[in-house]
Each structure stands twice: as structure tokens, then as C-alpha cells.
């Protein structure tokens, strides 16, 4: 296996893990909570500041999660935990579990 094949396999694993339903649901929930925390401190710029910080942290988490996915570690096992949390807050959707 050549280095280019390894790079392509790692790149595909990276994006497959980053765009998995569990990762996306966790990141969207994280951004919504960060945005609401900004409004809780009653300033629009505070909300935007929290959202921008959350986006920067999310980008760092995307890199870490993607690299873990390239190593073969994924977040698909967190689907039941996410569904339990969504059921707890009575959200009208769920994460499909394979």
C-alpha cells in the first residue's frame, strides 16, 4: 500500500467520522447551548462571542474526532446515549442507530 493510498483512506475515514449522525448531533447541540448561554448573559455580542468560541472549539473537536476516526475509533457507539438524552428533553427527533 502506497503513501497516497494511506492518505486517501485516512482522509475518507476522517470525513466519514466527522459527518456521522452522532458527531453532528453532538456538535449542533453544543453550538445551540453556547448560543443560548450568550443570550443568558443578556447581550447580543455576548451571544455571538460564545457562538464564535464554540465554533472554534468545534473545529478543534472536528480535527480530533476525525483523526480518531482515521485510527479506527468512531462515535457510532454514542448513538444510544444521544437518543437517551433527546428522549429525556423530549426532542422530536432521534439519531438512527446502526
PDB file of N, CA and C in Angstrom:
ATOM      1  N   UNK A   1       0.850  -1.173   0.000  1.00  0.00           N
ATOM      2  CA  UNK A   1       0.000   0.000   0.000  1.00  0.00           C
ATOM      3  C   UNK A   1       0.897   1.238   0.000  1.00  0.00           C
ATOM      4  N   UNK A   2       0.638   2.136  -0.924  1.00  0.00           N
ATOM      5  CA  UNK A   2       1.473   3.328  -1.046  1.00  0.00           C
ATOM      6  C   UNK A   2       1.030   4.397  -0.051  1.00  0.00           C
ATOM      7  N   UNK A   3       1.861   5.420   0.062  1.00  0.00           N
ATOM      8  CA  UNK A   3       1.547   6.512   0.986  1.00  0.00           C
ATOM      9  C   UNK A   3       0.318   7.279   0.517  1.00  0.00           C
ATOM     10  N   UNK A   4       0.108   7.370  -0.790  1.00  0.00           N
ATOM     11  CA  UNK A   4      -1.087   8.074  -1.275  1.00  0.00           C
ATOM     12  C   UNK A   4      -2.359   7.285  -0.954  1.00  0.00           C
ATOM     13  N   UNK A   5      -2.290   5.957  -1.023  1.00  0.00           N
ATOM     14  CA  UNK A   5      -3.455   5.145  -0.639  1.00  0.00           C
ATOM     15  C   UNK A   5      -3.761   5.289   0.846  1.00  0.00           C
ATOM     16  N   UNK A   6      -2.719   5.331   1.668  1.00  0.00           N
ATOM     17  CA  UNK A   6      -2.924   5.540   3.102  1.00  0.00           C
ATOM     18  C   UNK A   6      -3.531   6.911   3.376  1.00  0.00           C
ATOM     19  N   UNK A   7      -3.052   7.926   2.661  1.00  0.00           N
ATOM     20  CA  UNK A   7      -3.580   9.278   2.850  1.00  0.00           C
ATOM     21  C   UNK A   7      -5.046   9.360   2.439  1.00  0.00           C
ATOM     22  N   UNK A   8      -5.393   8.744   1.321  1.00  0.00           N
ATOM     23  CA  UNK A   8      -6.785   8.764   0.858  1.00  0.00           C
ATOM     24  C   UNK A   8      -7.680   8.005   1.824  1.00  0.00           C
ATOM     25  N   UNK A   9      -7.224   6.866   2.315  1.00  0.00           N
ATOM     26  CA  UNK A   9      -8.014   6.089   3.276  1.00  0.00           C
ATOM     27  C   UNK A   9      -8.216   6.872   4.569  1.00  0.00           C
ATOM     28  N   UNK A  10      -7.163   7.515   5.045  1.00  0.00           N
ATOM     29  CA  UNK A  10      -7.274   8.343   6.247  1.00  0.00           C
ATOM     30  C   UNK A  10      -8.203   9.524   6.046  1.00  0.00           C
ATOM     31  N   UNK A  11      -8.124  10.164   4.886  1.00  0.00           N
ATOM     32  CA  UNK A  11      -8.977  11.315   4.572  1.00  0.00           C
ATOM     33  C   UNK A  11     -10.447  10.904   4.529  1.00  0.00           C
ATOM     34  N   UNK A  12     -10.735   9.776   3.909  1.00  0.00           N
ATOM     35  CA  UNK A  12     -12.121   9.291   3.842  1.00  0.00           C
ATOM     36  C   UNK A  12     -12.635   8.907   5.226  1.00  0.00           C
ATOM     37  N   UNK A  13     -11.795   8.273   6.028  1.00  0.00           N
ATOM     38  CA  UNK A  13     -12.203   7.917   7.389  1.00  0.00           C
ATOM     39  C   UNK A  13     -12.431   9.164   8.232  1.00  0.00           C
ATOM     40  N   UNK A  14     -11.596  10.177   8.022  1.00  0.00           N
ATOM     41  CA  UNK A  14     -11.735  11.449   8.732  1.00  0.00           C
ATOM     42  C   UNK A  14     -13.117  12.038   8.500  1.00  0.00           C
ATOM     43  N   UNK A  15     -13.498  12.203   7.231  1.00  0.00           N
ATOM     44  CA  UNK A  15     -14.777  12.849   6.927  1.00  0.00           C
ATOM     45  C   UNK A  15     -15.962  11.953   7.234  1.00  0.00           C
ATOM     46  N   UNK A  16     -15.800  10.650   7.110  1.00  0.00           N
ATOM     47  CA  UNK A  16     -16.896   9.748   7.464  1.00  0.00           C
ATOM     48  C   UNK A  16     -17.198   9.835   8.956  1.00  0.00           C
ATOM     49  N   UNK A  17     -16.163   9.983   9.775  1.00  0.00           N
ATOM     50  CA  UNK A  17     -16.362  10.078  11.214  1.00  0.00           C
ATOM     51  C   UNK A  17     -16.872  11.456  11.615  1.00  0.00           C
ATOM     52  N   UNK A  18     -16.375  12.501  10.971  1.00  0.00           N
ATOM     53  CA  UNK A  18     -16.803  13.857  11.305  1.00  0.00           C
ATOM     54  C   UNK A  18     -18.271  14.070  10.943  1.00  0.00           C
ATOM     55  N   UNK A  19     -18.711  13.500   9.833  1.00  0.00           N
ATOM     56  CA  UNK A  19     -20.080  13.710   9.364  1.00  0.00           C
ATOM     57  C   UNK A  19     -21.050  12.618   9.806  1.00  0.00           C
ATOM     58  N   UNK A  20     -20.658  11.806  10.771  1.00  0.00           N
ATOM     59  CA  UNK A  20     -21.579  10.780  11.273  1.00  0.00           C
ATOM     60  C   UNK A  20     -22.717  11.455  12.044  1.00  0.00           C
ATOM     61  N   UNK A  21     -23.886  10.830  12.107  1.00  0.00           N
ATOM     62  CA  UNK A  21     -25.025  11.455  12.799  1.00  0.00           C
ATOM     63  C   UNK A  21     -24.751  11.761  14.272  1.00  0.00           C
ATOM     64  N   UNK A  22     -24.025  10.903  14.951  1.00  0.00           N
ATOM     65  CA  UNK A  22     -23.747  11.150  16.370  1.00  0.00           C
ATOM     66  C   UNK A  22     -22.874  12.386  16.544  1.00  0.00           C
ATOM     67  N   UNK A  23     -21.856  12.531  15.714  1.00  0.00           N
ATOM     68  CA  UNK A  23     -20.976  13.687  15.817  1.00  0.00           C
ATOM     69  C   UNK A  23     -21.715  14.967  15.477  1.00  0.00           C
ATOM     70  N   UNK A  24     -22.522  14.934  14.430  1.00  0.00           N
ATOM     71  CA  UNK A  24     -23.265  16.130  14.043  1.00  0.00           C
ATOM     72  C   UNK A  24     -24.280  16.531  15.101  1.00  0.00           C
ATOM     73  N   UNK A  25     -24.968  15.574  15.693  1.00  0.00           N
ATOM     74  CA  UNK A  25     -25.967  15.922  16.706  1.00  0.00           C
ATOM     75  C   UNK A  25     -25.310  16.489  17.956  1.00  0.00           C
ATOM     76  N   UNK A  26     -24.177  15.941  18.333  1.00  0.00           N
ATOM     77  CA  UNK A  26     -23.463  16.471  19.495  1.00  0.00           C
ATOM     78  C   UNK A  26     -22.964  17.881  19.214  1.00  0.00           C
ATOM     79  N   UNK A  27     -22.423  18.118  18.025  1.00  0.00           N
ATOM     80  CA  UNK A  27     -21.890  19.439  17.707  1.00  0.00           C
ATOM     81  C   UNK A  27     -22.996  20.478  17.573  1.00  0.00           C
ATOM     82  N   UNK A  28     -24.138  20.116  16.996  1.00  0.00           N
ATOM     83  CA  UNK A  28     -25.245  21.067  16.883  1.00  0.00           C
ATOM     84  C   UNK A  28     -25.798  21.403  18.263  1.00  0.00           C
ATOM     85  N   UNK A  29     -25.941  20.411  19.113  1.00  0.00           N
ATOM     86  CA  UNK A  29     -26.411  20.670  20.476  1.00  0.00           C
ATOM     87  C   UNK A  29     -25.427  21.565  21.219  1.00  0.00           C
ATOM     88  N   UNK A  30     -24.139  21.345  21.016  1.00  0.00           N
ATOM     89  CA  UNK A  30     -23.108  22.154  21.656  1.00  0.00           C
ATOM     90  C   UNK A  30     -23.203  23.608  21.206  1.00  0.00           C
ATOM     91  N   UNK A  31     -23.387  23.846  19.907  1.00  0.00           N
ATOM     92  CA  UNK A  31     -23.485  25.205  19.394  1.00  0.00           C
ATOM     93  C   UNK A  31     -24.751  25.900  19.881  1.00  0.00           C
ATOM     94  N   UNK A  32     -25.861  25.184  19.956  1.00  0.00           N
ATOM     95  CA  UNK A  32     -27.106  25.783  20.439  1.00  0.00           C
ATOM     96  C   UNK A  32     -26.975  26.179  21.905  1.00  0.00           C
ATOM     97  N   UNK A  33     -26.382  25.319  22.707  1.00  0.00           N
ATOM     98  CA  UNK A  33     -26.191  25.640  24.127  1.00  0.00           C
ATOM     99  C   UNK A  33     -25.267  26.843  24.283  1.00  0.00           C
ATOM    100  N   UNK A  34     -24.206  26.911  23.498  1.00  0.00           N
ATOM    101  CA  UNK A  34     -23.292  28.051  23.580  1.00  0.00           C
ATOM    102  C   UNK A  34     -23.998  29.346  23.182  1.00  0.00           C
ATOM    103  N   UNK A  35     -24.824  29.290  22.150  1.00  0.00           N
ATOM    104  CA  UNK A  35     -25.555  30.476  21.713  1.00  0.00           C
ATOM    105  C   UNK A  35     -26.563  30.914  22.774  1.00  0.00           C
ATOM    106  N   UNK A  36     -27.259  29.959  23.399  1.00  0.00           N
ATOM    107  CA  UNK A  36     -28.218  30.301  24.445  1.00  0.00           C
ATOM    108  C   UNK A  36     -27.526  30.840  25.695  1.00  0.00           C
ATOM    109  N   UNK A  37     -26.331  30.360  25.984  1.00  0.00           N
ATOM    110  CA  UNK A  37     -25.576  30.916  27.109  1.00  0.00           C
ATOM    111  C   UNK A  37     -25.242  32.379  26.873  1.00  0.00           C
ATOM    112  N   UNK A  38     -24.946  32.720  25.634  1.00  0.00           N
ATOM    113  CA  UNK A  38     -24.690  34.124  25.320  1.00  0.00           C
ATOM    114  C   UNK A  38     -25.914  34.984  25.570  1.00  0.00           C
ATOM    115  N   UNK A  39     -27.101  34.491  25.204  1.00  0.00           N
ATOM    116  CA  UNK A  39     -28.325  35.242  25.473  1.00  0.00           C
ATOM    117  C   UNK A  39     -28.652  35.274  26.958  1.00  0.00           C
ATOM    118  N   UNK A  40     -28.249  34.256  27.693  1.00  0.00           N
ATOM    119  CA  UNK A  40     -28.496  34.240  29.131  1.00  0.00           C
ATOM    120  C   UNK A  40     -27.746  35.369  29.819  1.00  0.00           C
ATOM    121  N   UNK A  41     -26.636  35.778  29.247  1.00  0.00           N
ATOM    122  CA  UNK A  41     -25.893  36.903  29.804  1.00  0.00           C
ATOM    123  C   UNK A  41     -26.353  38.222  29.209  1.00  0.00           C
ATOM    124  N   UNK A  42     -27.485  38.199  28.484  1.00  0.00           N
ATOM    125  CA  UNK A  42     -28.264  39.350  28.024  1.00  0.00           C
ATOM    126  C   UNK A  42     -27.511  40.343  27.145  1.00  0.00           C
ATOM    127  N   UNK A  43     -26.669  39.851  26.288  1.00  0.00           N
ATOM    128  CA  UNK A  43     -26.021  40.733  25.321  1.00  0.00           C
ATOM    129  C   UNK A  43     -25.945  40.013  23.992  1.00  0.00           C
ATOM    130  N   UNK A  44     -26.259  40.730  22.942  1.00  0.00           N
ATOM    131  CA  UNK A  44     -26.181  40.124  21.612  1.00  0.00           C
ATOM    132  C   UNK A  44     -24.736  39.803  21.267  1.00  0.00           C
ATOM    133  N   UNK A  45     -23.822  40.708  21.565  1.00  0.00           N
ATOM    134  CA  UNK A  45     -22.414  40.432  21.279  1.00  0.00           C
ATOM    135  C   UNK A  45     -21.908  39.302  22.164  1.00  0.00           C
ATOM    136  N   UNK A  46     -22.465  39.199  23.355  1.00  0.00           N
ATOM    137  CA  UNK A  46     -22.098  38.074  24.205  1.00  0.00           C
ATOM    138  C   UNK A  46     -22.513  36.758  23.579  1.00  0.00           C
ATOM    139  N   UNK A  47     -23.709  36.749  22.983  1.00  0.00           N
ATOM    140  CA  UNK A  47     -24.176  35.534  22.311  1.00  0.00           C
ATOM    141  C   UNK A  47     -23.293  35.203  21.124  1.00  0.00           C
ATOM    142  N   UNK A  48     -22.944  36.212  20.348  1.00  0.00           N
ATOM    143  CA  UNK A  48     -22.085  35.968  19.188  1.00  0.00           C
ATOM    144  C   UNK A  48     -20.687  35.544  19.634  1.00  0.00           C
ATOM    145  N   UNK A  49     -20.214  36.123  20.723  1.00  0.00           N
ATOM    146  CA  UNK A  49     -18.893  35.771  21.231  1.00  0.00           C
ATOM    147  C   UNK A  49     -18.864  34.314  21.684  1.00  0.00           C
ATOM    148  N   UNK A  50     -19.899  33.896  22.407  1.00  0.00           N
ATOM    149  CA  UNK A  50     -19.979  32.496  22.823  1.00  0.00           C
ATOM    150  C   UNK A  50     -20.100  31.573  21.620  1.00  0.00           C
ATOM    151  N   UNK A  51     -20.890  31.996  20.641  1.00  0.00           N
ATOM    152  CA  UNK A  51     -21.056  31.160  19.445  1.00  0.00           C
ATOM    153  C   UNK A  51     -19.740  31.039  18.682  1.00  0.00           C
ATOM    154  N   UNK A  52     -18.995  32.128  18.560  1.00  0.00           N
ATOM    155  CA  UNK A  52     -17.710  32.068  17.855  1.00  0.00           C
ATOM    156  C   UNK A  52     -16.703  31.204  18.606  1.00  0.00           C
ATOM    157  N   UNK A  53     -16.700  31.307  19.915  1.00  0.00           N
ATOM    158  CA  UNK A  53     -15.810  30.441  20.695  1.00  0.00           C
ATOM    159  C   UNK A  53     -16.208  28.976  20.548  1.00  0.00           C
ATOM    160  N   UNK A  54     -17.503  28.735  20.527  1.00  0.00           N
ATOM    161  CA  UNK A  54     -17.975  27.358  20.354  1.00  0.00           C
ATOM    162  C   UNK A  54     -17.611  26.824  18.977  1.00  0.00           C
ATOM    163  N   UNK A  55     -17.695  27.667  17.958  1.00  0.00           N
ATOM    164  CA  UNK A  55     -17.317  27.236  16.611  1.00  0.00           C
ATOM    165  C   UNK A  55     -15.830  26.912  16.554  1.00  0.00           C
ATOM    166  N   UNK A  56     -15.005  27.725  17.217  1.00  0.00           N
ATOM    167  CA  UNK A  56     -13.569  27.446  17.240  1.00  0.00           C
ATOM    168  C   UNK A  56     -13.282  26.141  17.981  1.00  0.00           C
ATOM    169  N   UNK A  57     -13.964  25.923  19.090  1.00  0.00           N
ATOM    170  CA  UNK A  57     -13.780  24.670  19.821  1.00  0.00           C
ATOM    171  C   UNK A  57     -14.308  23.494  19.016  1.00  0.00           C
ATOM    172  N   UNK A  58     -15.422  23.707  18.303  1.00  0.00           N
ATOM    173  CA  UNK A  58     -15.979  22.648  17.462  1.00  0.00           C
ATOM    174  C   UNK A  58     -15.008  22.277  16.351  1.00  0.00           C
ATOM    175  N   UNK A  59     -14.340  23.279  15.767  1.00  0.00           N
ATOM    176  CA  UNK A  59     -13.362  22.984  14.715  1.00  0.00           C
ATOM    177  C   UNK A  59     -12.214  22.142  15.269  1.00  0.00           C
ATOM    178  N   UNK A  60     -11.776  22.453  16.487  1.00  0.00           N
ATOM    179  CA  UNK A  60     -10.727  21.642  17.105  1.00  0.00           C
ATOM    180  C   UNK A  60     -11.228  20.226  17.382  1.00  0.00           C
ATOM    181  N   UNK A  61     -12.467  20.112  17.844  1.00  0.00           N
ATOM    182  CA  UNK A  61     -13.027  18.782  18.092  1.00  0.00           C
ATOM    183  C   UNK A  61     -13.203  17.993  16.804  1.00  0.00           C
ATOM    184  N   UNK A  62     -13.545  18.682  15.717  1.00  0.00           N
ATOM    185  CA  UNK A  62     -13.666  18.013  14.417  1.00  0.00           C
ATOM    186  C   UNK A  62     -12.337  17.389  14.026  1.00  0.00           C
ATOM    187  N   UNK A  63     -11.255  18.123  14.234  1.00  0.00           N
ATOM    188  CA  UNK A  63      -9.940  17.577  13.907  1.00  0.00           C
ATOM    189  C   UNK A  63      -9.614  16.363  14.771  1.00  0.00           C
ATOM    190  N   UNK A  64      -9.881  16.459  16.066  1.00  0.00           N
ATOM    191  CA  UNK A  64      -9.581  15.336  16.959  1.00  0.00           C
ATOM    192  C   UNK A  64     -10.453  14.131  16.629  1.00  0.00           C
ATOM    193  N   UNK A  65     -11.751  14.362  16.436  1.00  0.00           N
ATOM    194  CA  UNK A  65     -12.664  13.259  16.116  1.00  0.00           C
ATOM    195  C   UNK A  65     -12.301  12.640  14.777  1.00  0.00           C
ATOM    196  N   UNK A  66     -11.933  13.478  13.817  1.00  0.00           N
ATOM    197  CA  UNK A  66     -11.538  12.964  12.513  1.00  0.00           C
ATOM    198  C   UNK A  66     -10.282  12.124  12.579  1.00  0.00           C
ATOM    199  N   UNK A  67      -9.298  12.574  13.348  1.00  0.00           N
ATOM    200  CA  UNK A  67      -8.077  11.789  13.476  1.00  0.00           C
ATOM    201  C   UNK A  67      -8.346  10.479  14.211  1.00  0.00           C
ATOM    202  N   UNK A  68      -9.228  10.513  15.210  1.00  0.00           N
ATOM    203  CA  UNK A  68      -9.601   9.261  15.872  1.00  0.00           C
ATOM    204  C   UNK A  68     -10.302   8.326  14.898  1.00  0.00           C
ATOM    205  N   UNK A  69     -11.126   8.888  14.019  1.00  0.00           N
ATOM    206  CA  UNK A  69     -11.796   8.073  13.008  1.00  0.00           C
ATOM    207  C   UNK A  69     -10.816   7.457  12.039  1.00  0.00           C
ATOM    208  N   UNK A  70      -9.771   8.206  11.697  1.00  0.00           N
ATOM    209  CA  UNK A  70      -8.748   7.653  10.814  1.00  0.00           C
ATOM    210  C   UNK A  70      -7.990   6.522  11.501  1.00  0.00           C
ATOM    211  N   UNK A  71      -7.947   6.549  12.823  1.00  0.00           N
ATOM    212  CA  UNK A  71      -7.301   5.470  13.570  1.00  0.00           C
ATOM    213  C   UNK A  71      -8.241   4.300  13.837  1.00  0.00           C
ATOM    214  N   UNK A  72      -9.510   4.454  13.467  1.00  0.00           N
ATOM    215  CA  UNK A  72     -10.463   3.366  13.641  1.00  0.00           C
ATOM    216  C   UNK A  72     -11.379   3.507  14.838  1.00  0.00           C
ATOM    217  N   UNK A  73     -11.311   4.632  15.538  1.00  0.00           N
ATOM    218  CA  UNK A  73     -12.176   4.870  16.694  1.00  0.00           C
ATOM    219  C   UNK A  73     -13.277   5.826  16.251  1.00  0.00           C
ATOM    220  N   UNK A  74     -14.545   5.399  16.381  1.00  0.00           N
ATOM    221  CA  UNK A  74     -15.635   6.263  15.936  1.00  0.00           C
ATOM    222  C   UNK A  74     -16.629   6.501  17.064  1.00  0.00           C
ATOM    223  N   UNK A  75     -17.565   7.412  16.817  1.00  0.00           N
ATOM    224  CA  UNK A  75     -18.559   7.761  17.823  1.00  0.00           C
ATOM    225  C   UNK A  75     -19.905   7.097  17.570  1.00  0.00           C
ATOM    226  N   UNK A  76     -19.921   6.042  16.774  1.00  0.00           N
ATOM    227  CA  UNK A  76     -21.201   5.399  16.481  1.00  0.00           C
ATOM    228  C   UNK A  76     -21.786   4.725  17.714  1.00  0.00           C
ATOM    229  N   UNK A  77     -20.950   4.397  18.680  1.00  0.00           N
ATOM    230  CA  UNK A  77     -21.470   3.779  19.902  1.00  0.00           C
ATOM    231  C   UNK A  77     -22.142   4.795  20.814  1.00  0.00           C
ATOM    232  N   UNK A  78     -21.997   6.089  20.529  1.00  0.00           N
ATOM    233  CA  UNK A  78     -22.644   7.102  21.361  1.00  0.00           C
ATOM    234  C   UNK A  78     -24.074   7.387  20.922  1.00  0.00           C
ATOM    235  N   UNK A  79     -24.540   6.739  19.859  1.00  0.00           N
ATOM    236  CA  UNK A  79     -25.909   6.945  19.382  1.00  0.00           C
ATOM    237  C   UNK A  79     -26.969   6.676  20.429  1.00  0.00           C
ATOM    238  N   UNK A  80     -26.918   5.541  21.150  1.00  0.00           N
ATOM    239  CA  UNK A  80     -27.927   5.306  22.195  1.00  0.00           C
ATOM    240  C   UNK A  80     -27.899   6.341  23.318  1.00  0.00           C
ATOM    241  N   UNK A  81     -26.726   6.843  23.663  1.00  0.00           N
ATOM    242  CA  UNK A  81     -26.631   7.867  24.709  1.00  0.00           C
ATOM    243  C   UNK A  81     -27.273   9.165  24.228  1.00  0.00           C
ATOM    244  N   UNK A  82     -27.007   9.532  22.977  1.00  0.00           N
ATOM    245  CA  UNK A  82     -27.605  10.737  22.408  1.00  0.00           C
ATOM    246  C   UNK A  82     -29.122  10.582  22.340  1.00  0.00           C
ATOM    247  N   UNK A  83     -29.602   9.411  21.916  1.00  0.00           N
ATOM    248  CA  UNK A  83     -31.046   9.179  21.860  1.00  0.00           C
ATOM    249  C   UNK A  83     -31.678   9.226  23.251  1.00  0.00           C
ATOM    250  N   UNK A  84     -30.984   8.718  24.253  1.00  0.00           N
ATOM    251  CA  UNK A  84     -31.488   8.791  25.625  1.00  0.00           C
ATOM    252  C   UNK A  84     -31.637  10.250  26.051  1.00  0.00           C
ATOM    253  N   UNK A  85     -30.627  11.073  25.736  1.00  0.00           N
ATOM    254  CA  UNK A  85     -30.687  12.492  26.089  1.00  0.00           C
ATOM    255  C   UNK A  85     -31.808  13.197  25.332  1.00  0.00           C
ATOM    256  N   UNK A  86     -31.953  12.893  24.035  1.00  0.00           N
ATOM    257  CA  UNK A  86     -33.025  13.508  23.255  1.00  0.00           C
ATOM    258  C   UNK A  86     -34.395  13.084  23.771  1.00  0.00           C
ATOM    259  N   UNK A  87     -34.521  11.846  24.226  1.00  0.00           N
ATOM    260  CA  UNK A  87     -35.768  11.385  24.823  1.00  0.00           C
ATOM    261  C   UNK A  87     -36.015  12.082  26.154  1.00  0.00           C
ATOM    262  N   UNK A  88     -34.953  12.331  26.899  1.00  0.00           N
ATOM    263  CA  UNK A  88     -35.069  12.992  28.188  1.00  0.00           C
ATOM    264  C   UNK A  88     -35.599  14.414  28.040  1.00  0.00           C
ATOM    265  N   UNK A  89     -35.129  15.133  27.027  1.00  0.00           N
ATOM    266  CA  UNK A  89     -35.599  16.502  26.811  1.00  0.00           C
ATOM    267  C   UNK A  89     -36.798  16.551  25.874  1.00  0.00           C
ATOM    268  N   UNK A  90     -37.310  15.391  25.477  1.00  0.00           N
ATOM    269  CA  UNK A  90     -38.482  15.234  24.629  1.00  0.00           C
ATOM    270  C   UNK A  90     -38.320  15.938  23.287  1.00  0.00           C
ATOM    271  N   UNK A  91     -37.175  15.732  22.675  1.00  0.00           N
ATOM    272  CA  UNK A  91     -36.923  16.279  21.342  1.00  0.00           C
ATOM    273  C   UNK A  91     -37.703  15.466  20.310  1.00  0.00           C
ATOM    274  N   UNK A  92     -38.160  16.109  19.239  1.00  0.00           N
ATOM    275  CA  UNK A  92     -38.986  15.392  18.256  1.00  0.00           C
ATOM    276  C   UNK A  92     -38.191  14.615  17.209  1.00  0.00           C
ATOM    277  N   UNK A  93     -36.941  14.299  17.462  1.00  0.00           N
ATOM    278  CA  UNK A  93     -36.135  13.545  16.502  1.00  0.00           C
ATOM    279  C   UNK A  93     -35.204  12.617  17.264  1.00  0.00           C
ATOM    280  N   UNK A  94     -34.564  11.713  16.559  1.00  0.00           N
ATOM    281  CA  UNK A  94     -33.612  10.787  17.171  1.00  0.00           C
ATOM    282  C   UNK A  94     -32.509  10.483  16.179  1.00  0.00           C
ATOM    283  N   UNK A  95     -31.412   9.957  16.691  1.00  0.00           N
ATOM    284  CA  UNK A  95     -30.266   9.580  15.871  1.00  0.00           C
ATOM    285  C   UNK A  95     -30.415   8.111  15.511  1.00  0.00           C
ATOM    286  N   UNK A  96     -30.414   7.772  14.226  1.00  0.00           N
ATOM    287  CA  UNK A  96     -30.531   6.356  13.867  1.00  0.00           C
ATOM    288  C   UNK A  96     -29.319   5.562  14.344  1.00  0.00           C
ATOM    289  N   UNK A  97     -29.570   4.400  14.911  1.00  0.00           N
ATOM    290  CA  UNK A  97     -28.507   3.530  15.409  1.00  0.00           C
ATOM    291  C   UNK A  97     -28.390   2.352  14.464  1.00  0.00           C
ATOM    292  N   UNK A  98     -27.152   2.119  13.995  1.00  0.00           N
ATOM    293  CA  UNK A  98     -26.938   1.028  13.032  1.00  0.00           C
ATOM    294  C   UNK A  98     -26.977  -0.314  13.709  1.00  0.00           C
TER     295      UNK A  98
END
